[in-house]
Protein backbone atom coordinates (compact mmCIF):
# COMPACT_ATOMS: atom_id res chain seq x y z
CA MET A 1 -19.84 -7.58 -8.61
CA GLY A 2 -18.48 -5.06 -11.10
CA ALA A 3 -17.12 -1.57 -10.80
CA ALA A 4 -20.14 0.48 -11.96
CA GLU A 5 -21.05 2.15 -8.66
CA PRO A 6 -18.37 3.14 -6.16
CA VAL A 7 -18.07 1.87 -2.63
CA VAL A 8 -18.06 4.83 -0.27
CA ILE A 9 -16.02 4.88 2.92
CA GLU A 10 -17.02 7.68 5.26
CA VAL A 11 -15.16 8.77 8.36
CA GLY A 12 -16.52 11.95 9.87
CA ASP A 13 -17.04 14.46 7.08
CA VAL A 14 -14.50 12.79 4.76
CA HIS A 15 -15.55 10.25 2.20
CA VAL A 16 -13.54 8.12 -0.20
CA GLU A 17 -14.99 6.45 -3.28
CA LEU A 18 -13.45 3.23 -4.60
CA ARG A 19 -14.24 1.06 -7.58
CA GLY A 20 -13.17 -2.47 -8.37
CA ALA A 21 -14.37 -5.96 -9.17
CA VAL A 22 -14.77 -9.02 -6.96
CA ASP A 23 -13.89 -12.42 -8.45
CA ARG A 24 -16.54 -14.47 -6.66
CA ILE A 25 -19.29 -14.13 -4.05
CA ASP A 26 -20.97 -17.20 -2.56
CA GLU A 27 -24.25 -16.59 -0.77
CA ASP A 28 -26.50 -18.76 1.36
CA GLY A 29 -30.25 -18.52 1.90
CA ALA A 30 -29.81 -16.54 5.12
CA GLY A 31 -28.23 -13.52 3.40
CA ARG A 32 -24.66 -14.35 4.39
CA ALA A 33 -21.80 -14.15 1.91
CA VAL A 34 -18.25 -15.37 1.44
CA VAL A 35 -16.07 -13.23 -0.83
CA ILE A 36 -13.31 -14.93 -2.80
CA ASP A 37 -10.39 -13.53 -4.75
CA TYR A 38 -8.36 -15.92 -6.90
CA LYS A 39 -4.61 -15.39 -6.89
CA TRP A 40 -2.04 -16.83 -9.28
CA SER A 41 0.39 -17.43 -6.43
CA LYS A 42 0.98 -19.64 -3.41
CA LYS A 43 -0.51 -19.44 0.05
CA SER A 44 2.89 -18.46 1.44
CA SER A 45 2.55 -15.15 -0.45
CA PHE A 46 0.00 -14.16 2.16
CA SER A 47 1.90 -14.99 5.33
CA LYS A 48 1.51 -12.41 8.11
CA LEU A 49 -1.75 -11.29 6.50
CA ASP A 50 -2.99 -9.81 9.78
CA ASP A 51 0.02 -7.47 9.94
CA ARG A 52 -0.29 -6.64 6.25
CA ILE A 53 -3.93 -5.61 6.71
CA ALA A 54 -3.26 -3.68 9.94
CA THR A 55 -0.45 -1.65 8.36
CA GLY A 56 -2.35 -0.94 5.15
CA VAL A 57 -0.12 -3.05 2.92
CA ASP A 58 -2.97 -5.39 1.99
CA LEU A 59 -6.38 -3.71 1.93
CA GLN A 60 -8.16 -5.97 -0.54
CA LEU A 61 -10.06 -8.43 1.67
CA PRO A 62 -11.61 -5.92 4.08
CA LEU A 63 -12.43 -3.65 1.12
CA TYR A 64 -14.20 -6.48 -0.66
CA ALA A 65 -16.15 -7.37 2.48
CA LEU A 66 -17.20 -3.76 2.91
CA ALA A 67 -18.16 -3.48 -0.78
CA VAL A 68 -20.37 -6.58 -0.71
CA GLU A 69 -22.07 -5.44 2.48
CA GLN A 70 -22.70 -1.96 1.06
CA ARG A 71 -23.68 -2.83 -2.48
CA LEU A 72 -25.46 -6.16 -2.03
CA SER A 73 -26.74 -5.83 1.56
CA ARG A 74 -25.27 -9.19 2.53
CA ARG A 75 -23.56 -9.99 5.80
CA VAL A 76 -20.04 -11.09 4.83
CA ILE A 77 -18.78 -13.85 7.11
CA ALA A 78 -15.39 -14.17 5.39
CA ALA A 79 -13.24 -12.81 2.59
CA GLY A 80 -10.39 -14.90 1.31
CA TYR A 81 -7.66 -15.55 -1.18
CA LEU A 82 -7.68 -18.87 -3.02
CA THR A 83 -4.22 -19.50 -4.41
CA LEU A 84 -4.12 -21.35 -7.70
CA LYS A 85 -0.51 -22.56 -7.64
CA ASP A 86 -0.99 -24.68 -4.51
CA SER A 87 -4.78 -24.72 -3.89
CA GLY A 88 -4.18 -22.78 -0.69
CA GLU A 89 -6.56 -20.55 1.23
CA ARG A 90 -6.05 -17.50 3.45
CA TRP A 91 -9.12 -16.02 5.11
CA LEU A 92 -10.19 -12.87 6.85
CA ARG A 93 -12.73 -14.44 9.24
CA LEU A 94 -15.54 -12.07 10.20
CA SER A 95 -17.89 -14.52 11.88
CA PRO A 96 -17.68 -17.76 13.90
CA GLU A 97 -19.15 -19.75 10.99
CA ALA A 98 -16.49 -18.47 8.56
CA PRO A 99 -14.21 -20.86 6.70
CA GLY A 100 -10.58 -21.03 7.70
CA GLY A 101 -8.66 -21.92 10.78
CA ARG A 102 -6.34 -20.72 13.49
CA TYR A 103 -3.69 -19.46 11.06
CA ASP A 104 -6.11 -17.15 9.30
CA VAL A 105 -6.93 -13.56 10.25
CA ASN A 106 -9.65 -13.57 12.88
CA TRP A 107 -11.83 -10.49 13.31
CA GLU A 108 -14.92 -12.36 14.50
CA ASP A 109 -14.76 -11.12 18.11
CA ASP A 110 -14.14 -7.44 17.34
CA ARG A 111 -15.36 -7.16 13.76
CA ASP A 112 -17.07 -3.77 14.05
CA GLU A 113 -14.13 -2.10 15.80
CA ARG A 114 -11.66 -3.54 13.28
CA MET A 115 -13.77 -2.49 10.30
CA ALA A 116 -14.06 1.04 11.74
CA ALA A 117 -10.27 1.21 12.23
CA PHE A 118 -9.78 -0.15 8.72
CA GLN A 119 -12.01 2.56 7.26
CA LYS A 120 -9.97 5.22 9.10
CA LEU A 121 -6.81 3.70 7.62
CA VAL A 122 -8.24 3.88 4.09
CA VAL A 123 -9.22 7.54 4.58
CA ALA A 124 -5.72 8.31 5.92
CA ARG A 125 -4.05 6.54 2.97
CA ASP A 126 -6.30 8.46 0.57
CA ALA A 127 -5.33 11.76 2.22
CA ASP A 128 -1.64 10.83 1.94
CA ILE A 129 -1.99 10.11 -1.77
CA ARG A 130 -3.98 13.27 -2.47
CA SER A 131 -1.36 15.37 -0.67
CA GLY A 132 1.42 13.80 -2.75
CA ARG A 133 2.86 11.67 0.04
CA ILE A 134 3.53 8.32 -1.56
CA ASP A 135 6.41 6.59 0.16
CA ILE A 136 8.80 4.70 -2.06
CA ALA A 137 9.11 1.53 -0.03
CA PRO A 138 8.43 -1.61 -2.05
CA LEU A 139 8.19 -4.80 -0.03
CA ASP A 140 10.22 -6.63 -2.66
CA ARG A 141 12.35 -4.30 -4.75
CA ASN A 142 13.15 -7.10 -7.19
CA LYS A 143 9.55 -6.99 -8.40
CA CYS A 144 10.05 -3.39 -9.54
CA ALA A 145 11.48 -4.72 -12.81
CA PHE A 146 8.05 -6.12 -13.70
CA CYS A 147 5.91 -3.23 -12.45
CA ASP A 148 3.36 -1.66 -14.80
CA PHE A 149 3.96 1.74 -13.19
CA ALA A 150 7.74 1.95 -13.62
CA ASP A 151 7.44 5.14 -15.71
CA LEU A 152 5.67 6.92 -12.84
CA CYS A 153 7.71 5.57 -9.98
CA ARG A 154 10.65 7.31 -8.39
CA ILE A 155 12.33 4.09 -7.21
CA ALA A 156 15.48 4.92 -9.20
CA GLU A 157 15.91 7.99 -6.97
CA VAL A 158 16.12 5.84 -3.84
CA PRO A 159 19.55 4.30 -3.31
CA ARG A 160 19.77 0.56 -2.86
CA VAL A 161 20.92 -0.25 0.62
CA SER A 162 22.97 -3.36 1.20
CA VAL A 163 22.11 -5.10 4.40
CA PRO A 164 25.17 -6.75 5.89
CA ARG A 165 24.83 -10.44 6.54
CA VAL A 166 24.94 -11.36 10.17
CA SER A 167 26.09 -14.79 11.22
CA VAL A 168 24.49 -16.35 14.21
CA PRO A 169 27.03 -17.72 16.72
CA LYS A 170 26.87 -21.49 17.21
């Protein structure tokens, strides 16, 4: 699925349009879909995925699920990352028949409520960006050296903070 038509997220009278491309969509004869994004990384890169989605750090999987449901009228049962360095999988499970297991993110019991909360989060993030509020808080500051947006970023204005090492008593 390409980026020609936007996906629209509407919350109240506010709407946000997003464009992107999905790596892979597998469908069955019943109109259900599994959305897959290939990552050149390891499964461990996606630890604590539930927290990362809930806090808005990782929006990709729910966005892809929403996009496929909107644009292709398919019921998405799961969206996942397939990691190429270790053949790992991390899933956002949206239905009982979804792939994955107990260590994956499980929204199957409260899917509609979670998707509604997710859409509110996207609208709030969009409002923050449009108002100029973009917090400078990289998860891994060492990756800043390889960032494509270094010329736009204000990371150099934020002092590096040394965190003292704490030894655990034996």
